[in-house]
Amino acid sequence: MADARPVERPLHERVVVVTGAAKGLGDAIARELAPRCAALLLADLDAERVEAQADRLRAEGRKATAWVADLTDPGSAGALIDVADAEFGGADVLVNNAGIVEYAPLAETSRELFRRLMAVDVESVYFLTQAFADSLRRRESGGCVVNLGTSHALTGVGGTSAYSTAKGAVHAMTRALAVELAPLGIRVNTLALGTTLTERVRSELAPELLRKRMRQIPLARGARPQEAAAAVAYLLDAGFATGTELVLDGGFTVFGDA
C-alpha cells in the first residue's frame, strides 16, 4: 500500500523562515538559501538590520519579507507563522537559528541566566516549531525543520553547563519531534556547530582564547559562516534525513586532547 503522508515540495518552490536572520550565521543562511528557494521570511529583534537584509535580497530579485519580533513573547510564534501564511500561502521550511550564547561556571550561574538561556534557546524553538507544524498539518503539506545546535551538547566543556543544558535540550527535542512529526511528512534535524567565525565571535573572543580554541580543533580553524549555511542547505535537500545531528566542528568532538 502506498504511503499517503504529505511530501515536501522541491526546494526551489519552498518558502523558508529563518530566525535570527539579521546578522552573523542567520545572515549567511539567508544569503545561501535565497537563490535556492521561492521566498524567505526573515525574523529578528534587530529591526534596522533585518529590514536591510530583506531590502538587499529584494534588490537582487529575491522574494523576502522581514518580520521584527521577540520570539520569547508567547504570541510571537503564532504571529510569525501567520505572516508566512498571509504573505506566501504558508512556510515549508523553518530554520531555528535565533539564540544566545552565554557561558558561566556552575558556581556563578544565576537563575536569571539559566532561565534566559532556556527561554531563548529552548522555549522559543519549541513553540515556533509547534506553530509551524500546525500550519503544515492544516495545509496537509510536508516540511522541514533545522535546529541550530552545538558540539558542546555532544561533549563536556567546562564553564558552559547552562548553555550546554539548553542546547542539549534542543538536540533531544529534534530526536523526539522527528519521530512524532514523521507521519505528517515533516523532517526535523539538528546542525551541531563548533566554533563558527561570525562577526560576534571575532569581536568578542580574546585573541588568545581564540587561538586556544583553534588548537583544540583537528582542522585548526573555525568554520566560516558560509560553510555552516551550506550545511543547512544540505539538510533541506537531504529528503531521507530526519532525527539526525550533522556535526560541523572541524573534528572537535572526536579530538582526544580537547
Protein backbone atom coordinates (compact mmCIF):
# COMPACT_ATOMS: atom_id res chain seq x y z
CA MET A 1 0.00 0.00 0.00
CA ALA A 2 1.31 3.45 -0.91
CA ASP A 3 2.18 5.81 1.94
CA ALA A 4 -0.27 8.73 1.79
CA ARG A 5 1.64 11.05 4.12
CA PRO A 6 2.33 14.60 2.82
CA VAL A 7 5.54 15.18 0.88
CA GLU A 8 7.90 18.13 0.68
CA ARG A 9 7.94 20.38 -2.34
CA PRO A 10 11.19 20.84 -4.30
CA LEU A 11 13.47 23.38 -2.62
CA HIS A 12 13.04 25.95 -5.38
CA GLU A 13 9.29 26.02 -4.61
CA ARG A 14 9.63 26.24 -0.82
CA VAL A 15 9.07 29.20 1.49
CA VAL A 16 11.75 29.36 4.18
CA VAL A 17 11.54 31.01 7.61
CA VAL A 18 14.90 31.93 9.16
CA THR A 19 15.06 33.26 12.72
CA GLY A 20 17.93 35.38 13.96
CA ALA A 21 18.39 36.39 10.33
CA ALA A 22 19.75 39.92 10.71
CA LYS A 23 23.44 39.14 11.13
CA GLY A 24 26.09 36.50 11.61
CA LEU A 25 25.08 32.96 10.85
CA GLY A 26 21.45 33.92 10.16
CA ASP A 27 22.60 36.41 7.53
CA ALA A 28 24.79 33.75 5.90
CA ILE A 29 21.92 31.24 5.89
CA ALA A 30 19.57 33.75 4.28
CA ARG A 31 22.12 34.59 1.57
CA GLU A 32 22.79 30.90 0.89
CA LEU A 33 19.13 29.94 0.62
CA ALA A 34 17.82 32.99 -1.25
CA PRO A 35 18.82 31.75 -4.74
CA ARG A 36 17.62 28.22 -3.95
CA CYS A 37 14.12 28.80 -2.56
CA ALA A 38 10.91 30.54 -3.63
CA ALA A 39 10.78 33.10 -0.80
CA LEU A 40 12.29 33.97 2.57
CA LEU A 41 10.67 35.25 5.75
CA LEU A 42 13.42 36.75 7.91
CA ALA A 43 12.75 37.19 11.62
CA ASP A 44 14.88 39.09 14.12
CA LEU A 45 14.78 41.51 17.05
CA ASP A 46 17.03 43.99 15.22
CA ALA A 47 14.54 45.88 13.08
CA GLU A 48 17.05 48.01 11.17
CA ARG A 49 19.35 45.14 10.20
CA VAL A 50 16.67 42.60 9.31
CA GLU A 51 14.83 45.16 7.15
CA ALA A 52 18.13 45.99 5.42
CA GLN A 53 18.75 42.29 4.82
CA ALA A 54 15.34 41.87 3.19
CA ASP A 55 15.91 45.02 1.11
CA ARG A 56 19.24 43.66 -0.17
CA LEU A 57 17.68 40.37 -1.19
CA ARG A 58 14.78 42.07 -2.95
CA ALA A 59 17.25 44.29 -4.81
CA GLU A 60 18.83 41.06 -6.08
CA GLY A 61 15.46 39.90 -7.39
CA ARG A 62 14.63 37.58 -4.49
CA LYS A 63 11.34 37.35 -2.60
CA ALA A 64 12.00 38.34 1.01
CA THR A 65 9.96 39.74 3.88
CA ALA A 66 11.31 40.96 7.21
CA TRP A 67 9.43 40.49 10.47
CA VAL A 68 10.52 42.01 13.78
CA ALA A 69 9.73 40.09 16.96
CA ASP A 70 10.93 38.83 20.31
CA LEU A 71 10.45 35.09 19.93
CA THR A 72 10.27 34.65 23.71
CA ASP A 73 6.97 36.54 23.61
CA PRO A 74 4.21 33.88 23.91
CA GLY A 75 2.27 35.30 20.96
CA SER A 76 5.20 35.68 18.59
CA ALA A 77 5.37 32.11 17.29
CA GLY A 78 1.82 32.05 16.01
CA ALA A 79 2.13 35.59 14.66
CA LEU A 80 5.26 34.74 12.65
CA ILE A 81 3.65 31.68 11.07
CA ASP A 82 0.51 33.74 10.38
CA VAL A 83 2.70 36.18 8.43
CA ALA A 84 4.07 33.30 6.37
CA ASP A 85 0.53 32.05 5.70
CA ALA A 86 -0.72 35.51 4.69
CA GLU A 87 2.30 36.58 2.61
CA PHE A 88 3.22 33.32 0.89
CA GLY A 89 0.44 30.81 1.49
CA GLY A 90 2.45 29.14 4.23
CA ALA A 91 6.02 28.18 5.09
CA ASP A 92 7.65 24.91 4.07
CA VAL A 93 10.93 25.20 5.99
CA LEU A 94 11.79 26.52 9.45
CA VAL A 95 15.41 27.27 10.36
CA ASN A 96 15.58 27.82 14.12
CA ASN A 97 18.77 29.86 14.20
CA ALA A 98 17.89 32.54 16.79
CA GLY A 99 19.59 32.01 20.13
CA ILE A 100 22.01 33.36 22.67
CA VAL A 101 25.40 32.12 23.85
CA GLU A 102 26.31 32.84 27.46
CA TYR A 103 28.91 30.92 29.45
CA ALA A 104 29.43 30.80 33.21
CA PRO A 105 30.84 28.28 35.68
CA LEU A 106 28.23 26.41 37.74
CA ALA A 107 29.01 28.43 40.88
CA GLU A 108 28.44 31.71 39.01
CA THR A 109 25.29 30.74 37.09
CA SER A 110 22.30 32.71 38.32
CA ARG A 111 18.69 31.61 37.98
CA GLU A 112 18.18 34.62 35.72
CA LEU A 113 20.91 33.48 33.33
CA PHE A 114 19.64 29.90 33.31
CA ARG A 115 16.04 30.98 32.67
CA ARG A 116 17.13 33.39 29.91
CA LEU A 117 19.00 30.63 28.10
CA MET A 118 16.07 28.24 28.39
CA ALA A 119 13.58 30.89 27.21
CA VAL A 120 15.57 31.93 24.15
CA ASP A 121 17.36 28.73 23.16
CA VAL A 122 14.70 26.14 24.04
CA GLU A 123 11.21 27.50 24.67
CA SER A 124 11.11 29.80 21.64
CA VAL A 125 12.35 26.97 19.38
CA TYR A 126 9.78 24.52 20.74
CA PHE A 127 6.74 26.74 20.37
CA LEU A 128 7.73 28.15 16.99
CA THR A 129 8.13 24.58 15.75
CA GLN A 130 4.71 23.79 17.21
CA ALA A 131 3.09 26.67 15.29
CA PHE A 132 4.95 25.71 12.10
CA ALA A 133 3.86 22.06 12.34
CA ASP A 134 0.25 23.12 13.00
CA SER A 135 0.28 25.20 9.80
CA LEU A 136 1.67 22.30 7.77
CA ARG A 137 -0.92 19.94 9.25
CA ARG A 138 -3.76 22.27 8.29
CA ARG A 139 -2.41 22.56 4.74
CA GLU A 140 -1.66 18.83 4.52
CA SER A 141 1.83 19.67 3.35
CA GLY A 142 5.23 18.18 4.16
CA GLY A 143 8.02 20.31 5.56
CA CYS A 144 11.40 20.50 7.20
CA VAL A 145 12.86 21.94 10.42
CA VAL A 146 16.56 22.62 11.00
CA ASN A 147 17.54 23.41 14.59
CA LEU A 148 20.90 25.03 15.27
CA GLY A 149 22.70 23.06 17.95
CA THR A 150 26.25 22.87 19.23
CA SER A 151 29.09 20.42 19.68
CA HIS A 152 29.00 21.46 23.36
CA ALA A 153 25.87 19.32 23.64
CA LEU A 154 27.85 16.29 22.45
CA THR A 155 30.91 16.54 24.67
CA GLY A 156 31.92 18.04 28.01
CA VAL A 157 33.17 21.63 28.04
CA GLY A 158 33.78 23.17 31.44
CA GLY A 159 32.21 26.52 32.23
CA THR A 160 29.35 26.07 29.75
CA SER A 161 26.90 23.94 31.74
CA ALA A 162 23.81 26.19 31.46
CA TYR A 163 24.34 26.82 27.74
CA SER A 164 25.11 23.15 27.09
CA THR A 165 21.97 22.16 29.01
CA ALA A 166 19.82 24.43 26.85
CA LYS A 167 21.33 23.26 23.58
CA GLY A 168 21.25 19.65 24.76
CA ALA A 169 17.51 20.08 25.15
CA VAL A 170 17.30 21.23 21.53
CA HIS A 171 19.14 18.10 20.39
CA ALA A 172 16.73 15.91 22.39
CA MET A 173 13.78 17.89 21.02
CA THR A 174 14.97 17.21 17.48
CA ARG A 175 15.05 13.46 18.02
CA ALA A 176 11.62 13.30 19.67
CA LEU A 177 9.91 15.56 17.13
CA ALA A 178 11.48 13.70 14.20
CA VAL A 179 9.59 10.59 15.32
CA GLU A 180 6.37 12.41 16.24
CA LEU A 181 6.14 14.51 13.06
CA ALA A 182 7.29 11.93 10.50
CA PRO A 183 3.70 10.74 9.84
CA LEU A 184 2.91 14.33 8.84
CA GLY A 185 5.75 14.39 6.32
CA ILE A 186 7.81 16.76 8.49
CA ARG A 187 11.55 16.14 8.92
CA VAL A 188 13.48 17.57 11.89
CA ASN A 189 17.28 17.70 12.08
CA THR A 190 20.00 19.45 14.08
CA LEU A 191 23.12 21.14 12.78
CA ALA A 192 25.65 20.87 15.63
CA LEU A 193 28.19 23.64 15.19
CA GLY A 194 31.58 24.12 16.71
CA THR A 195 33.38 27.45 16.73
CA THR A 196 31.99 29.47 13.82
CA LEU A 197 33.82 32.65 12.91
CA THR A 198 30.94 35.09 12.84
CA GLU A 199 31.41 38.80 13.38
CA ARG A 200 30.36 38.38 17.03
CA VAL A 201 32.85 35.60 17.73
CA ARG A 202 35.71 37.51 16.11
CA SER A 203 34.91 40.67 18.07
CA GLU A 204 34.08 39.16 21.48
CA LEU A 205 36.68 36.39 21.89
CA ALA A 206 40.08 37.47 23.15
CA PRO A 207 42.80 36.57 20.60
CA GLU A 208 44.50 34.12 22.99
CA LEU A 209 41.22 32.33 23.72
CA LEU A 210 40.50 32.08 20.00
CA ARG A 211 43.98 30.63 19.40
CA LYS A 212 43.39 28.12 22.22
CA ARG A 213 40.14 27.03 20.58
CA MET A 214 41.89 26.54 17.26
CA ARG A 215 44.42 24.24 18.95
CA GLN A 216 41.52 22.06 20.15
CA ILE A 217 40.22 21.56 16.60
CA PRO A 218 41.99 18.96 14.38
CA LEU A 219 41.39 21.12 11.29
CA ALA A 220 42.98 24.02 13.23
CA ARG A 221 40.41 26.64 12.28
CA GLY A 222 36.85 27.69 12.89
CA ALA A 223 34.00 27.22 10.44
CA ARG A 224 33.21 30.01 8.03
CA PRO A 225 29.57 31.14 8.28
CA GLN A 226 29.15 30.21 4.62
CA GLU A 227 30.15 26.60 5.41
CA ALA A 228 27.53 26.40 8.14
CA ALA A 229 24.93 27.88 5.80
CA ALA A 230 25.80 25.30 3.13
CA ALA A 231 25.25 22.56 5.73
CA VAL A 232 21.77 23.95 6.41
CA ALA A 233 21.05 23.87 2.68
CA TYR A 234 22.22 20.24 2.58
CA LEU A 235 19.76 19.27 5.33
CA LEU A 236 16.93 20.91 3.41
CA ASP A 237 17.77 18.79 0.36
CA ALA A 238 18.51 15.54 2.22
CA GLY A 239 14.99 14.14 1.99
CA PHE A 240 15.75 10.87 3.81
CA ALA A 241 17.44 12.55 6.79
CA THR A 242 15.41 13.09 9.96
CA GLY A 243 16.27 12.96 13.65
CA THR A 244 19.94 13.33 12.83
CA GLU A 245 22.74 15.53 14.12
CA LEU A 246 25.01 16.85 11.40
CA VAL A 247 28.21 17.82 13.22
CA LEU A 248 30.25 20.66 11.73
CA ASP A 249 33.06 21.31 14.20
CA GLY A 250 36.33 20.50 12.42
CA GLY A 251 36.71 17.31 14.49
CA PHE A 252 36.43 18.99 17.92
CA THR A 253 34.12 16.35 19.42
CA VAL A 254 36.40 13.46 18.45
CA PHE A 255 39.71 15.08 19.41
CA GLY A 256 41.14 13.30 22.45
CA ASP A 257 43.21 16.30 23.58
CA ALA A 258 40.26 18.75 23.55
